[in-house]
Protein backbone atom coordinates (compact mmCIF):
# COMPACT_ATOMS: atom_id res chain seq x y z
CA MET A 1 0.00 0.00 0.00
CA LEU A 2 2.76 2.45 0.96
CA LYS A 3 4.70 1.60 -2.20
CA THR A 4 1.61 2.25 -4.34
CA LEU A 5 0.86 5.53 -2.58
CA ALA A 6 4.46 6.66 -2.98
CA THR A 7 4.35 5.87 -6.69
CA VAL A 8 1.14 7.88 -7.14
CA VAL A 9 2.58 10.89 -5.32
CA VAL A 10 5.84 10.74 -7.25
CA THR A 11 3.92 10.45 -10.53
CA ALA A 12 1.93 13.60 -9.81
CA ILE A 13 5.06 15.53 -8.93
CA LEU A 14 6.95 14.33 -11.98
CA VAL A 15 4.26 15.21 -14.48
CA SER A 16 4.37 18.77 -13.17
CA ALA A 17 8.17 18.81 -13.11
CA PHE A 18 8.52 17.50 -16.66
CA TRP A 19 8.00 20.87 -18.29
CA ILE A 20 10.33 22.55 -15.82
CA PHE A 21 13.10 20.16 -16.91
CA TYR A 22 12.49 21.00 -20.55
CA THR A 23 12.25 24.79 -20.25
CA GLY A 24 14.00 27.16 -22.59
CA MET A 25 12.98 25.38 -25.79
CA SER A 26 11.74 26.91 -29.05
CA THR A 27 9.73 25.40 -31.85
CA ALA A 28 11.65 23.52 -34.54
CA PRO A 29 10.38 21.57 -37.54
CA SER A 30 10.32 17.81 -37.33
CA GLY A 31 13.38 16.13 -38.76
CA PRO A 32 13.96 12.92 -40.66
CA ASN A 33 13.97 9.59 -38.87
CA GLY A 34 17.15 9.21 -36.88
CA LYS A 35 17.60 12.90 -36.14
CA VAL A 36 19.19 13.69 -32.80
CA ALA A 37 17.56 16.81 -31.46
CA THR A 38 19.86 19.49 -30.16
CA LYS A 39 19.34 21.71 -27.14
CA GLY A 40 16.35 23.94 -27.65
CA ASP A 41 14.37 21.70 -29.99
CA ILE A 42 10.69 20.99 -29.73
CA VAL A 43 9.75 18.53 -32.44
CA VAL A 44 6.22 18.52 -33.86
CA LEU A 45 5.65 14.82 -34.43
CA ASN A 46 2.00 15.07 -35.45
CA PRO A 47 0.10 18.30 -34.81
CA SER A 48 -3.23 16.42 -34.97
CA GLN A 49 -2.18 14.28 -32.01
CA GLY A 50 -1.49 16.90 -29.41
CA GLY A 51 1.05 19.28 -30.91
CA PRO A 52 4.72 19.83 -29.99
CA VAL A 53 6.73 17.23 -28.13
CA ALA A 54 9.81 18.29 -26.22
CA VAL A 55 13.10 16.50 -26.83
CA ALA A 56 15.83 16.11 -24.22
CA GLU A 57 18.41 18.89 -24.05
CA SER A 58 21.30 16.44 -23.82
CA VAL A 59 21.45 13.14 -25.70
CA GLU A 60 24.33 10.71 -25.21
CA VAL A 61 24.65 8.48 -28.26
CA GLY A 62 26.39 5.10 -28.16
CA PRO A 63 28.52 3.58 -30.93
CA ALA A 64 25.55 1.85 -32.54
CA GLY A 65 23.65 5.11 -32.90
CA LEU A 66 21.32 4.48 -29.96
CA ALA A 67 20.74 7.17 -27.38
CA ILE A 68 21.41 6.15 -23.80
CA PRO A 69 17.80 6.13 -22.64
CA VAL A 70 18.32 7.86 -19.28
CA VAL A 71 19.24 11.52 -19.40
CA GLY A 72 22.55 12.32 -17.74
CA VAL A 73 23.97 8.79 -17.80
CA LYS A 74 27.34 8.38 -19.54
CA PRO A 75 28.48 5.25 -21.42
CA ASN A 76 31.16 4.48 -18.81
CA GLU A 77 28.51 4.44 -16.06
CA LEU A 78 26.62 1.54 -17.61
CA ILE A 79 26.87 -1.97 -16.16
CA ASP A 80 26.25 -5.16 -18.13
CA THR A 81 23.48 -7.02 -16.29
CA PHE A 82 22.16 -8.85 -19.36
CA THR A 83 23.16 -12.35 -18.24
CA GLN A 84 22.50 -11.93 -14.53
CA ALA A 85 20.11 -14.41 -12.93
CA ARG A 86 16.65 -13.30 -11.89
CA ALA A 87 13.76 -14.92 -9.99
CA GLY A 88 16.08 -17.00 -7.85
CA GLY A 89 18.06 -18.21 -10.84
CA ALA A 90 14.99 -19.32 -12.80
CA ARG A 91 15.68 -16.99 -15.69
CA ILE A 92 18.24 -14.63 -17.22
CA HIS A 93 17.75 -10.89 -17.02
CA ASP A 94 17.81 -10.33 -20.83
CA ALA A 95 18.12 -6.57 -20.26
CA ILE A 96 20.33 -4.01 -18.56
CA ASP A 97 19.44 -1.94 -15.51
CA ILE A 98 20.39 1.72 -15.80
CA MET A 99 20.58 3.11 -12.28
CA ALA A 100 19.35 6.66 -11.74
CA PRO A 101 17.33 8.68 -9.21
CA VAL A 102 13.55 8.57 -9.26
CA GLY A 103 12.24 11.14 -11.69
CA ARG A 104 15.22 11.21 -14.06
CA PRO A 105 13.82 11.55 -17.61
CA VAL A 106 13.78 8.45 -19.80
CA ILE A 107 14.12 9.09 -23.54
CA SER A 108 13.67 7.06 -26.69
CA ALA A 109 16.85 5.22 -27.66
CA SER A 110 15.84 5.12 -31.31
CA PRO A 111 13.25 6.51 -33.66
CA GLY A 112 10.13 4.39 -33.56
CA THR A 113 6.44 4.09 -32.79
CA VAL A 114 4.93 3.50 -29.37
CA GLU A 115 3.33 0.11 -29.88
CA LYS A 116 2.18 -0.72 -26.36
CA LEU A 117 1.84 1.03 -23.02
CA PHE A 118 1.37 -1.69 -20.45
CA LEU A 119 1.07 -2.03 -16.68
CA SER A 120 2.51 -5.38 -15.63
CA GLN A 121 3.10 -7.03 -12.28
CA GLY A 122 6.82 -7.42 -12.92
CA GLY A 123 7.75 -4.47 -15.10
CA GLY A 124 5.30 -2.01 -13.60
CA ILE A 125 4.72 0.99 -15.86
CA THR A 126 6.21 -0.06 -19.21
CA ALA A 127 6.50 1.12 -22.81
CA TYR A 128 7.27 -0.86 -25.96
CA VAL A 129 8.58 1.13 -28.95
CA ARG A 130 9.03 -0.57 -32.34
CA SER A 131 11.75 0.73 -34.66
CA ASP A 132 10.75 2.34 -37.93
CA ASP A 133 11.89 -0.69 -39.94
CA GLY A 134 10.01 -3.08 -37.64
CA THR A 135 13.16 -5.01 -36.78
CA TRP A 136 13.49 -4.04 -33.12
CA ILE A 137 11.38 -3.52 -30.02
CA TYR A 138 12.80 -1.24 -27.32
CA TYR A 139 11.36 -1.97 -23.89
CA TYR A 140 11.33 0.53 -21.01
CA ALA A 141 10.21 -0.75 -17.61
CA HIS A 142 9.85 0.19 -13.92
CA LEU A 143 8.89 3.74 -14.90
CA SER A 144 7.37 6.01 -12.28
CA ALA A 145 5.24 7.73 -14.92
CA TYR A 146 4.92 8.22 -18.66
CA ALA A 147 5.91 11.47 -20.31
CA PRO A 148 2.88 13.77 -20.59
CA GLY A 149 0.86 12.95 -23.66
CA LEU A 150 2.64 9.71 -24.52
CA HIS A 151 0.24 7.39 -26.32
CA GLU A 152 0.14 4.26 -28.42
CA GLY A 153 0.66 4.94 -32.10
CA GLN A 154 2.81 8.01 -31.43
CA HIS A 155 6.00 8.31 -33.45
CA LEU A 156 9.11 9.26 -31.48
CA LEU A 157 12.39 10.66 -32.62
CA ARG A 158 15.57 9.50 -30.93
CA GLY A 159 15.80 11.52 -27.71
CA ALA A 160 12.06 12.13 -27.37
CA PRO A 161 10.63 11.67 -23.85
CA VAL A 162 9.17 8.32 -22.85
CA GLY A 163 8.78 8.66 -19.09
CA PHE A 164 10.65 8.85 -15.80
CA VAL A 165 12.88 6.49 -13.85
CA GLY A 166 11.14 4.75 -10.97
CA PHE A 167 10.66 1.43 -9.22
CA SER A 168 7.17 0.34 -10.29
CA GLY A 169 6.43 -3.38 -10.58
CA ASN A 170 8.81 -5.69 -8.75
CA ALA A 171 11.78 -3.29 -8.63
CA ASN A 172 13.43 -2.52 -5.30
CA PRO A 173 12.53 1.01 -4.09
CA ALA A 174 16.08 1.28 -2.73
CA GLY A 175 17.49 0.98 -6.24
CA PRO A 176 15.37 2.92 -8.75
CA HIS A 177 16.41 2.23 -12.32
CA LEU A 178 15.33 1.82 -15.92
CA HIS A 179 15.05 -1.78 -17.08
CA PHE A 180 15.99 -1.45 -20.76
CA ALA A 181 15.71 -4.32 -23.22
CA ILE A 182 16.07 -4.74 -26.97
CA ASN A 183 14.35 -7.56 -28.85
CA ARG A 184 15.03 -8.52 -32.47
CA MET A 185 11.66 -9.00 -34.17
CA GLN A 186 10.65 -11.31 -36.98
CA PRO A 187 7.82 -10.35 -39.37
CA GLY A 188 4.46 -10.74 -37.67
CA GLU A 189 5.80 -11.00 -34.12
CA LYS A 190 3.85 -9.16 -31.43
CA TRP A 191 5.24 -6.60 -29.01
CA TYR A 192 5.70 -9.28 -26.34
CA ASN A 193 7.70 -11.59 -28.65
CA GLY A 194 11.19 -11.30 -30.09
CA THR A 195 14.72 -12.46 -29.35
CA PRO A 196 16.62 -10.56 -26.63
CA ILE A 197 19.76 -8.69 -27.72
CA ASN A 198 22.25 -7.30 -25.20
CA PRO A 199 21.97 -3.48 -25.19
CA TYR A 200 25.22 -3.00 -23.26
CA PRO A 201 27.82 -3.14 -26.06
CA LEU A 202 25.53 -1.04 -28.28
CA LEU A 203 25.32 1.73 -25.69
CA ALA A 204 28.68 1.47 -23.93
CA GLY A 205 30.94 0.49 -26.81
CA LYS A 206 32.46 -2.29 -24.76
CA THR A 207 32.48 -6.06 -25.07
CA ALA A 208 29.61 -7.76 -23.30
CA SER A 209 30.46 -9.71 -20.18
CA ARG A 210 29.99 -13.47 -20.20
């Protein structure tokens, strides 16, 4: 009960704080897929679906062209947790945990379309974004809240806001983080399918641990 109440309170605060974090921005035309917005950009993704969408002021891009999906986190701060055991050793993590304080903005690692916003027992507040070519699903979990206006079917540029770091679902409140996963998708596979790919070397530029 206390955990749920805390999450609700934090969510309300963060939605209000979101626009404070992204102050000082001016309108800019939408760019081609793959554009990295620079400081000051507000990208109009689809005026008929709610108007301008702010893009993070600072985007760290890894060697594979993916943005590190938590604002302020550097490549050398990432830890490879892809093969770590979970659920008492019953399964492999198949993702990396990006540690950050509650409320730190989470941004889209790649251009894509929000395919599913889902509240799950394990992942809590989650978002699934499919790449423009349909080959990849980017999964963001344990969020404390979605970015204001985020909705299924919305197209995101790399660096566009997805939500905020939290500990929803089965995450430990003492260690808020973004659970970030990448799945390779075959034609016709649903948002919950796919083959896990280790995000760590793509974001950090280092060899994955074994």
